Amino acid sequence: MKEYKISYFRLSLVLLGYLIYNLVYYMLDYSGGYAFFIVWPVFFLSLAMIILGNVLLFKDVVKLKDTYEKNKTIQITCMIQIIAACIGLCLQLTNLTVGKWWPINYVEHYPILVGTSIIYSVIFIIGVFQKRAVEQQEKASSLLGLVFGAVVVLLCNFLLFTNSKASIFDSNKQYVEEFKDFGFTGKVEVQEKTQLIEPYVGSRTTLHYDERLSDGTYFWELIYVAEVRSGTHVTQLDNQLAEEISKYLETDEEKQLFDKVKKQEFQFVLFLYKDLIRKRNIDTELIDKVNNAVGFKLVEKYGLSLYPKNPPEFYSLIIKNALKNRANGDTEVAGFYNIDILNKAMIANFGYVNYLEFDQFLKDKNASRVDYLKKILSEIPSGTLEDGTYKFGGTTKIDGKDQWVTVTMVIENGNSHFEEDEMRNP
């Protein structure tokens, strides 16, 4: 049988393919995909090298095993190579389990790629010892192949281990520690990390946080964190708003907590009230309270909006309430979940008042509907509504013309008074 020659180049072909593929992936990632129009030949070349490298590896190892049937060293090492190659192939096909046809990359599959790199590095090193075991003479071309293969192995592993911070795996460890330090008790994981060139040049990391609450339900949130290299990225909590909020914070503890909240990954806790309004049916309950108190359908749910009267003050109250919750042992969503939404800093704007319903109660058809609205609102029993600002808007006739009128009622310490009416053309 013709002597089989061990090829260092073929042994390192899989690693060479992944080395080129991930360098191309780096260029595609940081260009937002636009580099594909330039590097597509290299991209597909790397895919071909990965496929061919796997095929040749199995073929060469089996052929080597058959050639040296009586050499126990070759038989054992070939079996190790075959097992390692099977494991490596399974790792490479990980993407297929989620319906993706592209090879694994250093950003999304860092631990898997490291494992794959180690496996094929071991296969290459075993090949070096195999060549010595069968006493194949080293020619100049063979030495060149050894140097080439060794450089590929070393460079591939070096680039992987020195660029771990760019991976989801490393980012995940970072955010797990940050969320734990903030006071979250749920689970956070990095779902995606992508590079953008619009509307800013940089990266965007997508986090998923979920936590089981005391009532058995689950709270979850998708969080986006931007790292901008050039351009601008507007977050919900800009510098001006942060400075205004700081003016309402009194203690060092409040200021320290707010310093943490200002980080992009934690800003969402200040805006939880929007979801809590929906989840707790606060808008529906408020509508029912008003309608039940006056005895008829005065306002409609679809016209209600709840928003802060003074946003900086409102957000500072959220910080203060979160600290109180923590002091009382309530750590749900780091203390930011069980917050009093309807407080003095909140405005309840009822955008549709059923003025037509007033006609059945007004004996004088020329009487002011606005005055009647104020009368029935002032008669709402004390304690029915929380202290705060309530606006009631709707279209009615003023001096024979249709006008949009907004009546503002303020409740303080259970007592109500009205501010000046606002009128405009409908």
Protein backbone atom coordinates (compact mmCIF):
# COMPACT_ATOMS: atom_id res chain seq x y z
CA MET A 1 0.00 0.00 0.00
CA LYS A 2 1.31 3.44 -0.88
CA GLU A 3 2.54 5.33 2.17
CA TYR A 4 0.11 8.00 3.31
CA LYS A 5 1.63 11.43 3.81
CA ILE A 6 0.29 13.49 6.74
CA SER A 7 -0.53 17.05 5.60
CA TYR A 8 -0.20 19.83 8.17
CA PHE A 9 -2.08 22.18 5.86
CA ARG A 10 -5.11 19.90 5.67
CA LEU A 11 -5.05 19.36 9.44
CA SER A 12 -5.22 23.11 10.01
CA LEU A 13 -7.73 23.88 7.23
CA VAL A 14 -10.78 24.04 9.52
CA LEU A 15 -9.07 26.50 11.86
CA LEU A 16 -7.84 28.54 8.90
CA GLY A 17 -11.41 28.72 7.61
CA TYR A 18 -12.74 29.93 10.96
CA LEU A 19 -9.88 32.40 11.30
CA ILE A 20 -10.73 34.00 7.95
CA TYR A 21 -14.49 33.72 8.56
CA ASN A 22 -14.33 35.55 11.90
CA LEU A 23 -12.05 38.26 10.52
CA VAL A 24 -14.62 38.78 7.76
CA TYR A 25 -17.42 38.65 10.34
CA TYR A 26 -15.62 41.39 12.28
CA MET A 27 -15.60 43.62 9.19
CA LEU A 28 -19.24 42.85 8.41
CA ASP A 29 -20.28 43.45 12.01
CA TYR A 30 -18.51 46.79 12.39
CA SER A 31 -19.72 48.05 9.03
CA GLY A 32 -23.35 47.16 9.68
CA GLY A 33 -23.16 44.60 6.86
CA TYR A 34 -22.02 47.02 4.16
CA ALA A 35 -18.56 45.44 3.89
CA PHE A 36 -20.18 42.35 2.37
CA PHE A 37 -20.17 44.03 -1.04
CA ILE A 38 -16.37 44.13 -0.85
CA VAL A 39 -15.41 40.95 1.00
CA TRP A 40 -18.07 38.51 -0.26
CA PRO A 41 -15.54 36.40 -2.22
CA VAL A 42 -13.42 35.94 0.91
CA PHE A 43 -16.56 35.25 2.95
CA PHE A 44 -17.66 32.37 0.73
CA LEU A 45 -14.05 31.16 0.43
CA SER A 46 -13.92 30.80 4.23
CA LEU A 47 -17.16 28.80 4.20
CA ALA A 48 -15.75 26.50 1.54
CA MET A 49 -12.55 26.03 3.58
CA ILE A 50 -14.53 25.09 6.69
CA ILE A 51 -16.61 22.51 4.81
CA LEU A 52 -13.65 21.08 2.87
CA GLY A 53 -11.49 21.03 6.00
CA ASN A 54 -14.03 18.90 7.88
CA VAL A 55 -14.41 16.47 4.96
CA LEU A 56 -10.65 16.08 4.43
CA LEU A 57 -10.01 15.65 8.15
CA PHE A 58 -12.29 12.63 8.45
CA LYS A 59 -11.01 11.21 5.15
CA ASP A 60 -7.34 11.64 6.06
CA VAL A 61 -7.63 10.23 9.58
CA VAL A 62 -9.50 7.14 8.37
CA LYS A 63 -6.94 6.62 5.57
CA LEU A 64 -4.04 7.01 8.02
CA LYS A 65 -5.66 4.50 10.36
CA ASP A 66 -6.04 1.97 7.55
CA THR A 67 -2.48 2.52 6.31
CA TYR A 68 -0.85 1.77 9.69
CA GLU A 69 -3.07 -1.02 11.02
CA LYS A 70 -0.27 -2.57 13.07
CA ASN A 71 0.93 0.67 14.66
CA LYS A 72 -0.87 0.92 18.01
CA THR A 73 0.16 4.56 18.50
CA ILE A 74 -1.39 5.53 15.17
CA GLN A 75 -4.52 3.48 15.87
CA ILE A 76 -5.10 5.09 19.27
CA THR A 77 -4.32 8.63 18.15
CA CYS A 78 -6.49 8.28 15.06
CA MET A 79 -9.41 7.13 17.21
CA ILE A 80 -8.90 10.17 19.45
CA GLN A 81 -8.86 12.41 16.38
CA ILE A 82 -12.07 10.87 15.01
CA ILE A 83 -13.89 11.30 18.33
CA ALA A 84 -12.60 14.87 18.65
CA ALA A 85 -13.59 15.67 15.05
CA CYS A 86 -17.12 14.33 15.70
CA ILE A 87 -17.44 16.54 18.78
CA GLY A 88 -16.04 19.49 16.85
CA LEU A 89 -18.51 18.94 14.02
CA CYS A 90 -21.43 18.86 16.48
CA LEU A 91 -20.26 22.16 17.98
CA GLN A 92 -20.01 23.69 14.51
CA LEU A 93 -23.58 22.64 13.70
CA THR A 94 -24.99 24.37 16.79
CA ASN A 95 -26.53 27.13 14.67
CA LEU A 96 -28.65 24.61 12.78
CA THR A 97 -30.61 23.86 15.96
CA VAL A 98 -31.98 27.43 15.89
CA GLY A 99 -32.54 27.53 12.13
CA LYS A 100 -29.38 29.45 11.17
CA TRP A 101 -27.22 28.23 8.30
CA TRP A 102 -24.13 30.36 8.94
CA PRO A 103 -21.14 29.08 10.96
CA ILE A 104 -20.60 29.98 14.60
CA ASN A 105 -18.90 33.32 15.28
CA TYR A 106 -16.92 34.89 18.11
CA VAL A 107 -19.66 37.34 19.14
CA GLU A 108 -22.67 35.06 19.57
CA HIS A 109 -21.00 31.68 20.17
CA TYR A 110 -17.77 32.52 21.97
CA PRO A 111 -17.59 29.50 24.34
CA ILE A 112 -18.52 27.12 21.51
CA LEU A 113 -15.95 28.64 19.17
CA VAL A 114 -13.25 28.45 21.85
CA GLY A 115 -14.11 24.79 22.40
CA THR A 116 -13.99 24.16 18.64
CA SER A 117 -10.64 25.92 18.35
CA ILE A 118 -9.15 23.87 21.20
CA ILE A 119 -10.42 20.60 19.69
CA TYR A 120 -8.92 21.24 16.26
CA SER A 121 -5.71 22.53 17.81
CA VAL A 122 -5.41 19.20 19.67
CA ILE A 123 -6.10 17.32 16.41
CA PHE A 124 -3.29 19.29 14.73
CA ILE A 125 -0.84 18.64 17.59
CA ILE A 126 -1.67 14.90 17.48
CA GLY A 127 -0.91 15.01 13.74
CA VAL A 128 2.55 16.38 14.49
CA PHE A 129 3.27 13.47 16.86
CA GLN A 130 1.82 10.99 14.35
CA LYS A 131 4.25 12.13 11.71
CA ARG A 132 7.12 11.53 14.11
CA ALA A 133 5.69 8.14 15.07
CA VAL A 134 5.73 6.86 11.49
CA GLU A 135 9.16 8.42 10.92
CA GLN A 136 8.15 10.39 7.84
CA GLN A 137 11.09 12.51 6.70
CA GLU A 138 10.65 16.25 6.99
CA LYS A 139 11.14 17.93 3.64
CA ALA A 140 11.29 21.66 3.09
CA SER A 141 7.65 21.67 1.97
CA SER A 142 6.67 19.64 5.04
CA LEU A 143 8.50 22.02 7.37
CA LEU A 144 6.79 24.93 5.67
CA GLY A 145 3.44 23.21 6.22
CA LEU A 146 4.28 22.68 9.90
CA VAL A 147 5.18 26.33 10.37
CA PHE A 148 2.06 27.44 8.48
CA GLY A 149 -0.23 25.15 10.49
CA ALA A 150 1.37 26.16 13.80
CA VAL A 151 0.92 29.85 12.97
CA VAL A 152 -2.75 29.27 12.09
CA VAL A 153 -3.35 27.39 15.36
CA LEU A 154 -1.57 29.98 17.51
CA LEU A 155 -3.10 32.99 15.74
CA CYS A 156 -6.62 31.56 15.86
CA ASN A 157 -6.42 30.88 19.61
CA PHE A 158 -4.62 34.13 20.37
CA LEU A 159 -7.27 36.26 18.63
CA LEU A 160 -10.07 34.38 20.36
CA PHE A 161 -8.70 34.72 23.88
CA THR A 162 -7.73 38.38 23.46
CA ASN A 163 -11.09 39.46 22.03
CA SER A 164 -13.44 37.87 24.54
CA LYS A 165 -14.81 41.28 25.58
CA ALA A 166 -16.46 41.64 22.17
CA SER A 167 -18.49 38.47 22.77
CA ILE A 168 -21.95 38.03 24.24
CA PHE A 169 -20.47 35.53 26.68
CA ASP A 170 -18.17 38.09 28.29
CA SER A 171 -20.85 40.82 28.22
CA ASN A 172 -23.27 38.47 29.93
CA LYS A 173 -20.93 37.98 32.88
CA GLN A 174 -20.51 41.76 33.15
CA TYR A 175 -24.26 42.48 33.22
CA VAL A 176 -25.00 39.65 35.66
CA GLU A 177 -22.65 41.28 38.16
CA GLU A 178 -24.02 44.78 37.50
CA PHE A 179 -27.65 43.74 38.00
CA LYS A 180 -26.80 41.82 41.14
CA ASP A 181 -24.93 44.83 42.54
CA PHE A 182 -27.91 47.10 41.74
CA GLY A 183 -30.25 44.90 43.77
CA PHE A 184 -32.05 42.80 41.14
CA THR A 185 -32.80 39.22 42.12
CA GLY A 186 -33.99 37.93 38.73
CA LYS A 187 -32.12 36.63 35.72
CA VAL A 188 -30.45 38.81 33.11
CA GLU A 189 -28.88 37.61 29.89
CA VAL A 190 -27.50 39.17 26.74
CA GLN A 191 -29.69 38.17 23.79
CA GLU A 192 -27.92 40.00 21.01
CA LYS A 193 -25.00 42.29 20.33
CA THR A 194 -24.94 44.08 17.00
CA GLN A 195 -22.96 46.85 15.36
CA LEU A 196 -24.80 49.81 13.83
CA ILE A 197 -23.86 52.63 11.50
CA GLU A 198 -27.29 54.33 11.68
CA PRO A 199 -28.57 56.32 13.53
CA TYR A 200 -25.16 56.23 15.24
CA VAL A 201 -21.90 54.35 14.75
CA GLY A 202 -21.40 51.87 17.55
CA SER A 203 -22.85 48.73 19.09
CA ARG A 204 -26.25 47.91 20.55
CA THR A 205 -26.63 45.21 23.18
CA THR A 206 -30.05 43.68 23.80
CA LEU A 207 -30.63 42.44 27.36
CA HIS A 208 -33.51 40.32 28.62
CA TYR A 209 -34.41 40.52 32.31
CA ASP A 210 -37.05 38.41 34.01
CA GLU A 211 -38.02 37.93 37.63
CA ARG A 212 -40.63 35.86 39.42
CA LEU A 213 -42.73 38.12 41.65
CA SER A 214 -44.27 37.30 45.02
CA ASP A 215 -47.75 36.91 43.50
CA GLY A 216 -46.49 34.16 41.18
CA THR A 217 -46.47 36.29 38.04
CA TYR A 218 -43.38 37.14 36.01
CA PHE A 219 -41.93 40.54 35.26
CA TRP A 220 -39.78 40.81 32.15
CA GLU A 221 -38.16 43.63 30.23
CA LEU A 222 -36.14 44.02 27.03
CA ILE A 223 -33.36 46.55 27.57
CA TYR A 224 -31.20 48.17 24.89
CA VAL A 225 -27.73 49.48 25.71
CA ALA A 226 -25.88 51.59 23.14
CA GLU A 227 -22.13 52.13 22.96
CA VAL A 228 -21.60 55.08 20.62
CA ARG A 229 -18.28 55.58 18.82
CA SER A 230 -19.51 58.56 16.80
CA GLY A 231 -22.83 60.32 16.34
CA THR A 232 -25.51 60.72 18.98
CA HIS A 233 -27.91 58.37 20.73
CA VAL A 234 -30.85 59.77 22.71
CA THR A 235 -31.92 57.84 25.80
CA GLN A 236 -35.07 58.30 27.86
CA LEU A 237 -33.03 59.89 30.63
CA ASP A 238 -30.97 62.68 29.09
CA ASN A 239 -28.44 64.82 30.95
CA GLN A 240 -30.78 67.78 31.41
CA LEU A 241 -33.55 65.65 32.92
CA ALA A 242 -31.01 63.89 35.16
CA GLU A 243 -29.80 67.24 36.51
CA GLU A 244 -33.39 68.33 37.23
CA ILE A 245 -34.13 65.09 39.08
CA SER A 246 -30.99 65.47 41.20
CA LYS A 247 -32.33 68.78 42.59
CA TYR A 248 -35.17 66.91 44.31
CA LEU A 249 -32.92 64.27 45.89
CA GLU A 250 -32.00 65.06 49.47
CA THR A 251 -29.97 62.23 51.03
CA ASP A 252 -26.70 60.66 49.93
CA GLU A 253 -28.47 57.30 49.66
CA GLU A 254 -30.98 58.74 47.17
CA LYS A 255 -28.19 60.33 45.11
CA GLN A 256 -26.13 57.12 45.10
CA LEU A 257 -29.08 55.06 43.88
CA PHE A 258 -29.85 57.62 41.19
CA ASP A 259 -26.23 57.52 39.99
CA LYS A 260 -26.79 53.82 39.27
CA VAL A 261 -30.19 54.41 37.66
CA LYS A 262 -28.59 56.83 35.16
CA LYS A 263 -26.80 53.93 33.47
CA GLN A 264 -28.63 52.89 30.28
CA GLU A 265 -29.33 49.34 31.46
CA PHE A 266 -31.15 50.60 34.58
CA GLN A 267 -33.05 53.64 33.27
CA PHE A 268 -36.12 51.50 32.61
CA VAL A 269 -36.99 51.40 36.33
CA LEU A 270 -38.01 55.08 36.19
CA PHE A 271 -40.53 54.37 33.45
CA LEU A 272 -42.09 51.21 34.87
CA TYR A 273 -45.13 53.24 35.89
CA LYS A 274 -46.36 53.14 32.28
CA ASP A 275 -46.53 49.34 32.34
CA LEU A 276 -47.82 49.25 35.90
CA ILE A 277 -50.77 51.47 34.94
CA ARG A 278 -51.78 48.87 32.37
CA LYS A 279 -50.98 45.76 34.43
CA ARG A 280 -52.78 46.99 37.55
CA ASN A 281 -55.77 48.37 35.62
CA ILE A 282 -55.23 51.71 37.32
CA ASP A 283 -56.84 53.57 34.41
CA THR A 284 -59.96 51.37 34.48
CA GLU A 285 -60.31 51.66 38.26
CA LEU A 286 -59.96 55.44 38.10
CA ILE A 287 -62.64 55.72 35.41
CA ASP A 288 -64.97 53.53 37.49
CA LYS A 289 -64.33 55.61 40.62
CA VAL A 290 -65.30 58.85 38.88
CA ASN A 291 -68.37 57.41 37.13
CA ASN A 292 -69.61 55.64 40.24
CA ALA A 293 -69.09 58.77 42.35
CA VAL A 294 -71.21 60.99 40.04
CA GLY A 295 -73.80 58.33 39.31
CA PHE A 296 -73.55 58.17 35.50
CA LYS A 297 -71.02 57.65 32.70
CA LEU A 298 -69.19 60.96 32.89
CA VAL A 299 -65.87 59.91 31.33
CA GLU A 300 -64.64 57.23 28.92
CA LYS A 301 -61.59 54.98 29.33
CA TYR A 302 -60.24 55.57 25.83
CA GLY A 303 -59.81 59.26 26.59
CA LEU A 304 -57.75 58.86 29.78
CA SER A 305 -54.01 59.52 29.95
CA LEU A 306 -51.82 59.51 33.04
CA TYR A 307 -48.54 61.40 33.03
CA PRO A 308 -46.26 63.26 35.46
CA LYS A 309 -47.19 66.85 36.26
CA ASN A 310 -43.58 67.65 37.05
CA PRO A 311 -41.43 64.82 35.58
CA PRO A 312 -38.24 65.52 37.59
CA GLU A 313 -40.17 65.60 40.86
CA PHE A 314 -42.15 62.51 39.89
CA TYR A 315 -39.01 60.50 39.07
CA SER A 316 -37.38 61.63 42.32
CA LEU A 317 -40.41 60.28 44.20
CA ILE A 318 -39.88 56.93 42.47
CA ILE A 319 -36.29 56.88 43.77
CA LYS A 320 -37.47 57.73 47.30
CA ASN A 321 -40.23 55.10 47.25
CA ALA A 322 -37.83 52.44 45.96
CA LEU A 323 -35.52 53.07 48.92
CA LYS A 324 -38.47 52.81 51.32
CA ASN A 325 -39.49 49.52 49.72
CA ARG A 326 -35.96 48.16 50.11
CA ALA A 327 -35.86 49.23 53.76
CA ASN A 328 -39.12 47.31 54.30
CA GLY A 329 -37.74 44.18 52.64
CA ASP A 330 -39.50 44.64 49.29
CA THR A 331 -36.89 43.88 46.63
CA GLU A 332 -39.22 43.14 43.71
CA VAL A 333 -37.56 44.61 40.60
CA ALA A 334 -34.92 46.06 42.96
CA GLY A 335 -37.65 47.86 44.96
CA PHE A 336 -39.10 49.73 41.96
CA TYR A 337 -42.14 47.56 41.31
CA ASN A 338 -44.56 48.33 44.14
CA ILE A 339 -44.59 52.10 43.68
CA ASP A 340 -47.53 54.43 44.36
CA ILE A 341 -48.37 55.60 40.83
CA LEU A 342 -51.23 57.98 41.55
CA ASN A 343 -49.52 60.59 43.70
CA LYS A 344 -49.48 64.37 43.82
CA ALA A 345 -46.93 64.54 41.00
CA MET A 346 -49.22 62.72 38.55
CA ILE A 347 -51.87 64.23 36.25
CA ALA A 348 -54.96 62.24 35.26
CA ASN A 349 -56.24 63.72 32.02
CA PHE A 350 -59.76 62.62 31.09
CA GLY A 351 -59.84 63.48 27.41
CA TYR A 352 -63.55 62.84 26.80
CA VAL A 353 -66.35 64.20 28.99
CA ASN A 354 -69.92 63.14 28.06
CA TYR A 355 -71.44 66.61 28.16
CA LEU A 356 -74.54 65.30 26.34
CA GLU A 357 -75.39 63.25 29.42
CA PHE A 358 -75.85 66.48 31.37
CA ASP A 359 -79.07 67.39 29.54
CA GLN A 360 -81.10 64.87 31.52
CA PHE A 361 -80.09 66.57 34.76
CA LEU A 362 -80.26 70.24 33.70
CA LYS A 363 -83.71 71.81 34.11
CA ASP A 364 -82.55 74.98 32.36
CA LYS A 365 -81.36 73.97 28.89
CA ASN A 366 -79.37 77.22 28.66
CA ALA A 367 -77.48 76.49 31.87
CA SER A 368 -73.70 76.12 31.66
CA ARG A 369 -72.61 72.54 31.27
CA VAL A 370 -69.12 73.49 32.51
CA ASP A 371 -70.56 74.88 35.75
CA TYR A 372 -72.59 71.70 36.19
CA LEU A 373 -69.43 69.61 35.65
CA LYS A 374 -67.67 71.54 38.41
CA LYS A 375 -70.70 71.11 40.69
CA ILE A 376 -70.81 67.32 40.42
CA LEU A 377 -67.02 67.02 40.68
CA SER A 378 -66.96 69.11 43.86
CA GLU A 379 -69.61 66.79 45.35
CA ILE A 380 -67.44 63.66 44.94
CA PRO A 381 -66.95 62.32 48.50
CA SER A 382 -63.61 63.11 50.10
CA GLY A 383 -61.20 60.18 49.87
CA THR A 384 -62.67 58.80 46.65
CA LEU A 385 -59.79 60.19 44.63
CA GLU A 386 -56.15 60.43 45.66
CA ASP A 387 -54.44 63.78 46.08
CA GLY A 388 -53.38 64.98 42.66
CA THR A 389 -54.37 66.91 39.55
CA TYR A 390 -57.36 65.84 37.44
CA LYS A 391 -58.17 67.37 34.07
CA PHE A 392 -61.54 66.91 32.35
CA GLY A 393 -61.70 67.86 28.67
CA GLY A 394 -64.50 67.82 26.16
CA THR A 395 -66.42 69.80 23.54
CA THR A 396 -69.44 71.86 24.57
CA LYS A 397 -71.14 75.12 23.54
CA ILE A 398 -69.83 78.35 25.02
CA ASP A 399 -71.79 81.48 23.99
CA GLY A 400 -73.32 79.49 21.13
CA LYS A 401 -69.99 78.23 19.75
CA ASP A 402 -68.39 74.80 20.09
CA GLN A 403 -65.33 75.02 22.33
CA TRP A 404 -62.95 72.46 23.74
CA VAL A 405 -62.97 73.14 27.47
CA THR A 406 -60.55 71.66 29.99
CA VAL A 407 -61.59 71.83 33.65
CA THR A 408 -58.73 71.27 36.11
CA MET A 409 -59.49 70.00 39.62
CA VAL A 410 -56.70 69.79 42.20
CA ILE A 411 -57.10 67.69 45.34
CA GLU A 412 -54.86 68.46 48.31
CA ASN A 413 -55.27 66.73 51.66
CA GLY A 414 -58.69 65.50 50.55
CA ASN A 415 -59.97 69.01 49.67
CA SER A 416 -60.59 70.01 46.05
CA HIS A 417 -60.42 73.30 44.21
CA PHE A 418 -60.54 74.30 40.55
CA GLU A 419 -57.95 76.11 38.51
CA GLU A 420 -58.75 78.47 35.63
CA ASP A 421 -60.48 76.75 32.71
CA GLU A 422 -58.66 76.28 29.41
CA MET A 423 -60.59 76.85 26.17
CA ARG A 424 -59.69 76.41 22.51
CA ASN A 425 -61.36 75.67 19.20
CA PRO A 426 -62.12 71.95 18.83
